[in-house]
Amino acid sequence: MNTISIKISEPLEQTLARLSQRERVSKSELIRRALHAYAAQRDSAAPAQSALDLAGDLVGCFAGGPNDLASNPIHLAEFGRV
């Protein structure tokens, strides 16, 4: 088995010690289990998608409206007013 060294904060080390006692396993075993669970979760997770990926088929689907909405301050004159 390979060895790896990491630096962790004192509060995290205390949590690790407490959890390893509760689980009745070594701190090393607890860390191995946590890394295994993290890796399994990341491997099975769908790749991250941008807003464009999720709504790309909607881009440009609306006709009408002002063409200069983002650049003309007149369209924002009443924005935020109640």
PDB file of N, CA and C in Angstrom:
ATOM      1  N   MET A   1       0.849  -1.166   0.000  1.00  0.00           N
ATOM      2  CA  MET A   1       0.000   0.000   0.000  1.00  0.00           C
ATOM      3  C   MET A   1       0.900   1.237   0.000  1.00  0.00           C
ATOM      4  N   ASN A   2       0.513   2.236  -0.758  1.00  0.00           N
ATOM      5  CA  ASN A   2       1.277   3.475  -0.841  1.00  0.00           C
ATOM      6  C   ASN A   2       0.991   4.374   0.344  1.00  0.00           C
ATOM      7  N   THR A   3       1.924   5.282   0.608  1.00  0.00           N
ATOM      8  CA  THR A   3       1.779   6.237   1.701  1.00  0.00           C
ATOM      9  C   THR A   3       1.714   7.638   1.118  1.00  0.00           C
ATOM     10  N   ILE A   4       0.843   8.471   1.682  1.00  0.00           N
ATOM     11  CA  ILE A   4       0.719   9.863   1.282  1.00  0.00           C
ATOM     12  C   ILE A   4       0.637  10.701   2.547  1.00  0.00           C
ATOM     13  N   SER A   5       1.236  11.870   2.524  1.00  0.00           N
ATOM     14  CA  SER A   5       1.193  12.768   3.685  1.00  0.00           C
ATOM     15  C   SER A   5       0.373  13.997   3.330  1.00  0.00           C
ATOM     16  N   ILE A   6      -0.466  14.421   4.270  1.00  0.00           N
ATOM     17  CA  ILE A   6      -1.256  15.641   4.069  1.00  0.00           C
ATOM     18  C   ILE A   6      -1.178  16.480   5.332  1.00  0.00           C
ATOM     19  N   LYS A   7      -1.464  17.754   5.179  1.00  0.00           N
ATOM     20  CA  LYS A   7      -1.554  18.649   6.327  1.00  0.00           C
ATOM     21  C   LYS A   7      -3.016  19.015   6.507  1.00  0.00           C
ATOM     22  N   ILE A   8      -3.498  18.886   7.744  1.00  0.00           N
ATOM     23  CA  ILE A   8      -4.886  19.239   8.044  1.00  0.00           C
ATOM     24  C   ILE A   8      -4.899  20.138   9.274  1.00  0.00           C
ATOM     25  N   SER A   9      -5.963  20.891   9.397  1.00  0.00           N
ATOM     26  CA  SER A   9      -6.095  21.803  10.534  1.00  0.00           C
ATOM     27  C   SER A   9      -6.334  21.014  11.818  1.00  0.00           C
ATOM     28  N   GLU A  10      -6.089  21.648  12.932  1.00  0.00           N
ATOM     29  CA  GLU A  10      -6.309  21.013  14.235  1.00  0.00           C
ATOM     30  C   GLU A  10      -7.773  20.607  14.430  1.00  0.00           C
ATOM     31  N   PRO A  11      -8.736  21.491  14.104  1.00  0.00           N
ATOM     32  CA  PRO A  11     -10.143  21.068  14.263  1.00  0.00           C
ATOM     33  C   PRO A  11     -10.501  19.855  13.389  1.00  0.00           C
ATOM     34  N   LEU A  12      -9.952  19.806  12.176  1.00  0.00           N
ATOM     35  CA  LEU A  12     -10.239  18.667  11.314  1.00  0.00           C
ATOM     36  C   LEU A  12      -9.606  17.395  11.877  1.00  0.00           C
ATOM     37  N   GLU A  13      -8.424  17.498  12.439  1.00  0.00           N
ATOM     38  CA  GLU A  13      -7.775  16.335  13.040  1.00  0.00           C
ATOM     39  C   GLU A  13      -8.577  15.840  14.240  1.00  0.00           C
ATOM     40  N   GLN A  14      -9.119  16.759  15.029  1.00  0.00           N
ATOM     41  CA  GLN A  14      -9.943  16.368  16.168  1.00  0.00           C
ATOM     42  C   GLN A  14     -11.220  15.661  15.710  1.00  0.00           C
ATOM     43  N   THR A  15     -11.827  16.179  14.647  1.00  0.00           N
ATOM     44  CA  THR A  15     -13.012  15.527  14.087  1.00  0.00           C
ATOM     45  C   THR A  15     -12.667  14.149  13.567  1.00  0.00           C
ATOM     46  N   LEU A  16     -11.547  14.042  12.889  1.00  0.00           N
ATOM     47  CA  LEU A  16     -11.094  12.752  12.367  1.00  0.00           C
ATOM     48  C   LEU A  16     -10.865  11.752  13.496  1.00  0.00           C
ATOM     49  N   ALA A  17     -10.233  12.199  14.569  1.00  0.00           N
ATOM     50  CA  ALA A  17      -9.977  11.320  15.718  1.00  0.00           C
ATOM     51  C   ALA A  17     -11.293  10.865  16.355  1.00  0.00           C
ATOM     52  N   ARG A  18     -12.218  11.803  16.509  1.00  0.00           N
ATOM     53  CA  ARG A  18     -13.515  11.478  17.112  1.00  0.00           C
ATOM     54  C   ARG A  18     -14.282  10.472  16.250  1.00  0.00           C
ATOM     55  N   LEU A  19     -14.302  10.712  14.943  1.00  0.00           N
ATOM     56  CA  LEU A  19     -15.024   9.807  14.045  1.00  0.00           C
ATOM     57  C   LEU A  19     -14.367   8.434  13.968  1.00  0.00           C
ATOM     58  N   SER A  20     -13.052   8.403  13.989  1.00  0.00           N
ATOM     59  CA  SER A  20     -12.376   7.102  13.915  1.00  0.00           C
ATOM     60  C   SER A  20     -12.642   6.281  15.172  1.00  0.00           C
ATOM     61  N   GLN A  21     -12.740   6.941  16.319  1.00  0.00           N
ATOM     62  CA  GLN A  21     -13.090   6.228  17.557  1.00  0.00           C
ATOM     63  C   GLN A  21     -14.526   5.720  17.493  1.00  0.00           C
ATOM     64  N   ARG A  22     -15.418   6.569  16.988  1.00  0.00           N
ATOM     65  CA  ARG A  22     -16.827   6.184  16.896  1.00  0.00           C
ATOM     66  C   ARG A  22     -17.009   5.006  15.950  1.00  0.00           C
ATOM     67  N   GLU A  23     -16.306   5.032  14.828  1.00  0.00           N
ATOM     68  CA  GLU A  23     -16.423   3.969  13.832  1.00  0.00           C
ATOM     69  C   GLU A  23     -15.562   2.747  14.177  1.00  0.00           C
ATOM     70  N   ARG A  24     -14.676   2.923  15.146  1.00  0.00           N
ATOM     71  CA  ARG A  24     -13.742   1.863  15.563  1.00  0.00           C
ATOM     72  C   ARG A  24     -12.851   1.399  14.416  1.00  0.00           C
ATOM     73  N   VAL A  25     -12.335   2.394  13.697  1.00  0.00           N
ATOM     74  CA  VAL A  25     -11.356   2.146  12.633  1.00  0.00           C
ATOM     75  C   VAL A  25     -10.234   3.160  12.793  1.00  0.00           C
ATOM     76  N   SER A  26      -9.118   2.899  12.161  1.00  0.00           N
ATOM     77  CA  SER A  26      -8.002   3.846  12.236  1.00  0.00           C
ATOM     78  C   SER A  26      -8.338   5.113  11.442  1.00  0.00           C
ATOM     79  N   LYS A  27      -7.606   6.171  11.737  1.00  0.00           N
ATOM     80  CA  LYS A  27      -7.799   7.402  10.982  1.00  0.00           C
ATOM     81  C   LYS A  27      -7.467   7.181   9.508  1.00  0.00           C
ATOM     82  N   SER A  28      -6.445   6.384   9.254  1.00  0.00           N
ATOM     83  CA  SER A  28      -6.077   6.082   7.862  1.00  0.00           C
ATOM     84  C   SER A  28      -7.220   5.381   7.136  1.00  0.00           C
ATOM     85  N   GLU A  29      -7.846   4.408   7.801  1.00  0.00           N
ATOM     86  CA  GLU A  29      -8.957   3.683   7.176  1.00  0.00           C
ATOM     87  C   GLU A  29     -10.133   4.616   6.928  1.00  0.00           C
ATOM     88  N   LEU A  30     -10.405   5.496   7.859  1.00  0.00           N
ATOM     89  CA  LEU A  30     -11.496   6.447   7.701  1.00  0.00           C
ATOM     90  C   LEU A  30     -11.235   7.365   6.504  1.00  0.00           C
ATOM     91  N   ILE A  31     -10.010   7.834   6.365  1.00  0.00           N
ATOM     92  CA  ILE A  31      -9.654   8.693   5.233  1.00  0.00           C
ATOM     93  C   ILE A  31      -9.758   7.912   3.929  1.00  0.00           C
ATOM     94  N   ARG A  32      -9.306   6.654   3.900  1.00  0.00           N
ATOM     95  CA  ARG A  32      -9.439   5.827   2.693  1.00  0.00           C
ATOM     96  C   ARG A  32     -10.899   5.681   2.293  1.00  0.00           C
ATOM     97  N   ARG A  33     -11.760   5.424   3.279  1.00  0.00           N
ATOM     98  CA  ARG A  33     -13.192   5.286   2.986  1.00  0.00           C
ATOM     99  C   ARG A  33     -13.775   6.587   2.436  1.00  0.00           C
ATOM    100  N   ALA A  34     -13.380   7.691   3.043  1.00  0.00           N
ATOM    101  CA  ALA A  34     -13.892   8.989   2.598  1.00  0.00           C
ATOM    102  C   ALA A  34     -13.425   9.298   1.170  1.00  0.00           C
ATOM    103  N   LEU A  35     -12.166   9.022   0.875  1.00  0.00           N
ATOM    104  CA  LEU A  35     -11.654   9.260  -0.482  1.00  0.00           C
ATOM    105  C   LEU A  35     -12.326   8.343  -1.495  1.00  0.00           C
ATOM    106  N   HIS A  36     -12.542   7.101  -1.100  1.00  0.00           N
ATOM    107  CA  HIS A  36     -13.227   6.159  -1.991  1.00  0.00           C
ATOM    108  C   HIS A  36     -14.651   6.645  -2.287  1.00  0.00           C
ATOM    109  N   ALA A  37     -15.377   7.075  -1.261  1.00  0.00           N
ATOM    110  CA  ALA A  37     -16.745   7.563  -1.452  1.00  0.00           C
ATOM    111  C   ALA A  37     -16.763   8.810  -2.328  1.00  0.00           C
ATOM    112  N   TYR A  38     -15.815   9.719  -2.104  1.00  0.00           N
ATOM    113  CA  TYR A  38     -15.734  10.941  -2.906  1.00  0.00           C
ATOM    114  C   TYR A  38     -15.460  10.605  -4.368  1.00  0.00           C
ATOM    115  N   ALA A  39     -14.491   9.711  -4.595  1.00  0.00           N
ATOM    116  CA  ALA A  39     -14.137   9.337  -5.964  1.00  0.00           C
ATOM    117  C   ALA A  39     -15.315   8.660  -6.666  1.00  0.00           C
ATOM    118  N   ALA A  40     -16.028   7.794  -5.972  1.00  0.00           N
ATOM    119  CA  ALA A  40     -17.183   7.117  -6.563  1.00  0.00           C
ATOM    120  C   ALA A  40     -18.278   8.114  -6.913  1.00  0.00           C
ATOM    121  N   GLN A  41     -18.492   9.094  -6.046  1.00  0.00           N
ATOM    122  CA  GLN A  41     -19.510  10.108  -6.298  1.00  0.00           C
ATOM    123  C   GLN A  41     -19.135  10.957  -7.511  1.00  0.00           C
ATOM    124  N   ARG A  42     -17.874  11.364  -7.587  1.00  0.00           N
ATOM    125  CA  ARG A  42     -17.426  12.206  -8.696  1.00  0.00           C
ATOM    126  C   ARG A  42     -17.440  11.448 -10.015  1.00  0.00           C
ATOM    127  N   ASP A  43     -17.097  10.166  -9.980  1.00  0.00           N
ATOM    128  CA  ASP A  43     -17.095   9.368 -11.199  1.00  0.00           C
ATOM    129  C   ASP A  43     -18.503   9.166 -11.741  1.00  0.00           C
ATOM    130  N   SER A  44     -19.483   9.049 -10.849  1.00  0.00           N
ATOM    131  CA  SER A  44     -20.847   8.794 -11.293  1.00  0.00           C
ATOM    132  C   SER A  44     -21.620  10.070 -11.593  1.00  0.00           C
ATOM    133  N   ALA A  45     -21.104  11.211 -11.167  1.00  0.00           N
ATOM    134  CA  ALA A  45     -21.809  12.482 -11.382  1.00  0.00           C
ATOM    135  C   ALA A  45     -21.746  12.882 -12.851  1.00  0.00           C
ATOM    136  N   ALA A  46     -22.822  13.483 -13.312  1.00  0.00           N
ATOM    137  CA  ALA A  46     -22.851  14.002 -14.677  1.00  0.00           C
ATOM    138  C   ALA A  46     -21.881  15.168 -14.779  1.00  0.00           C
ATOM    139  N   PRO A  47     -21.249  15.339 -15.918  1.00  0.00           N
ATOM    140  CA  PRO A  47     -20.331  16.463 -16.063  1.00  0.00           C
ATOM    141  C   PRO A  47     -21.069  17.795 -15.898  1.00  0.00           C
ATOM    142  N   ALA A  48     -20.392  18.767 -15.351  1.00  0.00           N
ATOM    143  CA  ALA A  48     -20.992  20.081 -15.137  1.00  0.00           C
ATOM    144  C   ALA A  48     -21.370  20.699 -16.477  1.00  0.00           C
ATOM    145  N   GLN A  49     -22.513  21.350 -16.492  1.00  0.00           N
ATOM    146  CA  GLN A  49     -22.982  22.002 -17.711  1.00  0.00           C
ATOM    147  C   GLN A  49     -23.175  23.481 -17.454  1.00  0.00           C
ATOM    148  N   SER A  50     -22.910  24.274 -18.455  1.00  0.00           N
ATOM    149  CA  SER A  50     -23.107  25.715 -18.341  1.00  0.00           C
ATOM    150  C   SER A  50     -24.583  26.039 -18.581  1.00  0.00           C
ATOM    151  N   ALA A  51     -24.945  27.273 -18.282  1.00  0.00           N
ATOM    152  CA  ALA A  51     -26.315  27.714 -18.542  1.00  0.00           C
ATOM    153  C   ALA A  51     -26.621  27.624 -20.035  1.00  0.00           C
ATOM    154  N   LEU A  52     -25.623  27.924 -20.864  1.00  0.00           N
ATOM    155  CA  LEU A  52     -25.829  27.821 -22.308  1.00  0.00           C
ATOM    156  C   LEU A  52     -26.090  26.382 -22.725  1.00  0.00           C
ATOM    157  N   ASP A  53     -25.361  25.434 -22.115  1.00  0.00           N
ATOM    158  CA  ASP A  53     -25.597  24.022 -22.424  1.00  0.00           C
ATOM    159  C   ASP A  53     -27.025  23.617 -22.057  1.00  0.00           C
ATOM    160  N   LEU A  54     -27.502  24.086 -20.910  1.00  0.00           N
ATOM    161  CA  LEU A  54     -28.823  23.697 -20.428  1.00  0.00           C
ATOM    162  C   LEU A  54     -29.966  24.375 -21.175  1.00  0.00           C
ATOM    163  N   ALA A  55     -29.760  25.618 -21.610  1.00  0.00           N
ATOM    164  CA  ALA A  55     -30.832  26.372 -22.258  1.00  0.00           C
ATOM    165  C   ALA A  55     -30.466  26.804 -23.670  1.00  0.00           C
ATOM    166  N   GLY A  56     -29.467  26.173 -24.247  1.00  0.00           N
ATOM    167  CA  GLY A  56     -28.992  26.567 -25.570  1.00  0.00           C
ATOM    168  C   GLY A  56     -30.053  26.521 -26.646  1.00  0.00           C
ATOM    169  N   ASP A  57     -30.979  25.575 -26.528  1.00  0.00           N
ATOM    170  CA  ASP A  57     -32.024  25.469 -27.545  1.00  0.00           C
ATOM    171  C   ASP A  57     -33.023  26.630 -27.449  1.00  0.00           C
ATOM    172  N   LEU A  58     -32.987  27.397 -26.366  1.00  0.00           N
ATOM    173  CA  LEU A  58     -33.899  28.530 -26.215  1.00  0.00           C
ATOM    174  C   LEU A  58     -33.304  29.832 -26.735  1.00  0.00           C
ATOM    175  N   VAL A  59     -31.992  29.855 -26.935  1.00  0.00           N
ATOM    176  CA  VAL A  59     -31.330  31.075 -27.393  1.00  0.00           C
ATOM    177  C   VAL A  59     -31.858  31.433 -28.773  1.00  0.00           C
ATOM    178  N   GLY A  60     -32.378  32.653 -28.882  1.00  0.00           N
ATOM    179  CA  GLY A  60     -32.872  33.145 -30.160  1.00  0.00           C
ATOM    180  C   GLY A  60     -34.257  32.664 -30.535  1.00  0.00           C
ATOM    181  N   CYS A  61     -34.967  32.029 -29.618  1.00  0.00           N
ATOM    182  CA  CYS A  61     -36.282  31.486 -29.980  1.00  0.00           C
ATOM    183  C   CYS A  61     -37.406  32.512 -29.852  1.00  0.00           C
ATOM    184  N   PHE A  62     -37.126  33.669 -29.277  1.00  0.00           N
ATOM    185  CA  PHE A  62     -38.159  34.685 -29.127  1.00  0.00           C
ATOM    186  C   PHE A  62     -37.962  35.775 -30.171  1.00  0.00           C
ATOM    187  N   ALA A  63     -39.033  36.128 -30.849  1.00  0.00           N
ATOM    188  CA  ALA A  63     -38.985  37.201 -31.834  1.00  0.00           C
ATOM    189  C   ALA A  63     -39.546  38.460 -31.205  1.00  0.00           C
ATOM    190  N   GLY A  64     -39.130  39.584 -31.706  1.00  0.00           N
ATOM    191  CA  GLY A  64     -39.627  40.851 -31.207  1.00  0.00           C
ATOM    192  C   GLY A  64     -38.792  41.373 -30.066  1.00  0.00           C
ATOM    193  N   GLY A  65     -39.213  42.440 -29.476  1.00  0.00           N
ATOM    194  CA  GLY A  65     -38.452  43.050 -28.400  1.00  0.00           C
ATOM    195  C   GLY A  65     -37.353  43.935 -28.962  1.00  0.00           C
ATOM    196  N   PRO A  66     -36.814  44.791 -28.119  1.00  0.00           N
ATOM    197  CA  PRO A  66     -35.781  45.711 -28.610  1.00  0.00           C
ATOM    198  C   PRO A  66     -34.471  44.981 -28.894  1.00  0.00           C
ATOM    199  N   ASN A  67     -33.781  45.380 -29.940  1.00  0.00           N
ATOM    200  CA  ASN A  67     -32.501  44.780 -30.304  1.00  0.00           C
ATOM    201  C   ASN A  67     -31.367  45.297 -29.438  1.00  0.00           C
ATOM    202  N   ASP A  68     -31.569  46.449 -28.798  1.00  0.00           N
ATOM    203  CA  ASP A  68     -30.486  47.070 -28.024  1.00  0.00           C
ATOM    204  C   ASP A  68     -30.752  47.007 -26.522  1.00  0.00           C
ATOM    205  N   LEU A  69     -31.391  45.959 -26.055  1.00  0.00           N
ATOM    206  CA  LEU A  69     -31.792  45.830 -24.657  1.00  0.00           C
ATOM    207  C   LEU A  69     -30.607  45.910 -23.698  1.00  0.00           C
ATOM    208  N   ALA A  70     -29.490  45.309 -24.040  1.00  0.00           N
ATOM    209  CA  ALA A  70     -28.338  45.283 -23.149  1.00  0.00           C
ATOM    210  C   ALA A  70     -27.517  46.561 -23.192  1.00  0.00           C
ATOM    211  N   SER A  71     -27.653  47.350 -24.240  1.00  0.00           N
ATOM    212  CA  SER A  71     -26.782  48.520 -24.377  1.00  0.00           C
ATOM    213  C   SER A  71     -27.495  49.856 -24.236  1.00  0.00           C
ATOM    214  N   ASN A  72     -28.801  49.888 -24.262  1.00  0.00           N
ATOM    215  CA  ASN A  72     -29.541  51.142 -24.191  1.00  0.00           C
ATOM    216  C   ASN A  72     -30.117  51.334 -22.790  1.00  0.00           C
ATOM    217  N   PRO A  73     -29.613  52.326 -22.026  1.00  0.00           N
ATOM    218  CA  PRO A  73     -30.072  52.520 -20.649  1.00  0.00           C
ATOM    219  C   PRO A  73     -31.543  52.898 -20.524  1.00  0.00           C
ATOM    220  N   ILE A  74     -32.175  53.329 -21.578  1.00  0.00           N
ATOM    221  CA  ILE A  74     -33.585  53.708 -21.502  1.00  0.00           C
ATOM    222  C   ILE A  74     -34.457  52.520 -21.115  1.00  0.00           C
ATOM    223  N   HIS A  75     -34.009  51.296 -21.464  1.00  0.00           N
ATOM    224  CA  HIS A  75     -34.796  50.100 -21.147  1.00  0.00           C
ATOM    225  C   HIS A  75     -34.730  49.752 -19.656  1.00  0.00           C
ATOM    226  N   LEU A  76     -33.763  50.298 -18.945  1.00  0.00           N
ATOM    227  CA  LEU A  76     -33.601  50.031 -17.517  1.00  0.00           C
ATOM    228  C   LEU A  76     -34.049  51.204 -16.643  1.00  0.00           C
ATOM    229  N   ALA A  77     -34.669  52.213 -17.253  1.00  0.00           N
ATOM    230  CA  ALA A  77     -35.041  53.413 -16.515  1.00  0.00           C
ATOM    231  C   ALA A  77     -35.964  53.122 -15.352  1.00  0.00           C
ATOM    232  N   GLU A  78     -36.899  52.221 -15.500  1.00  0.00           N
ATOM    233  CA  GLU A  78     -37.857  51.890 -14.456  1.00  0.00           C
ATOM    234  C   GLU A  78     -37.497  50.611 -13.683  1.00  0.00           C
ATOM    235  N   PHE A  79     -36.372  50.019 -14.003  1.00  0.00           N
ATOM    236  CA  PHE A  79     -35.986  48.762 -13.378  1.00  0.00           C
ATOM    237  C   PHE A  79     -35.746  48.941 -11.894  1.00  0.00           C
ATOM    238  N   GLY A  80     -36.351  48.098 -11.066  1.00  0.00           N
ATOM    239  CA  GLY A  80     -36.150  48.121  -9.625  1.00  0.00           C
ATOM    240  C   GLY A  80     -37.077  49.074  -8.885  1.00  0.00           C
ATOM    241  N   ARG A  81     -37.887  49.796  -9.587  1.00  0.00           N
ATOM    242  CA  ARG A  81     -38.824  50.708  -8.931  1.00  0.00           C
ATOM    243  C   ARG A  81     -40.124  49.988  -8.658  1.00  0.00           C
ATOM    244  N   VAL A  82     -40.709  50.300  -7.516  1.00  0.00           N
ATOM    245  CA  VAL A  82     -41.964  49.650  -7.131  1.00  0.00           C
ATOM    246  C   VAL A  82     -43.128  50.533  -7.445  1.00  0.00           C
TER     247      VAL A  82
END
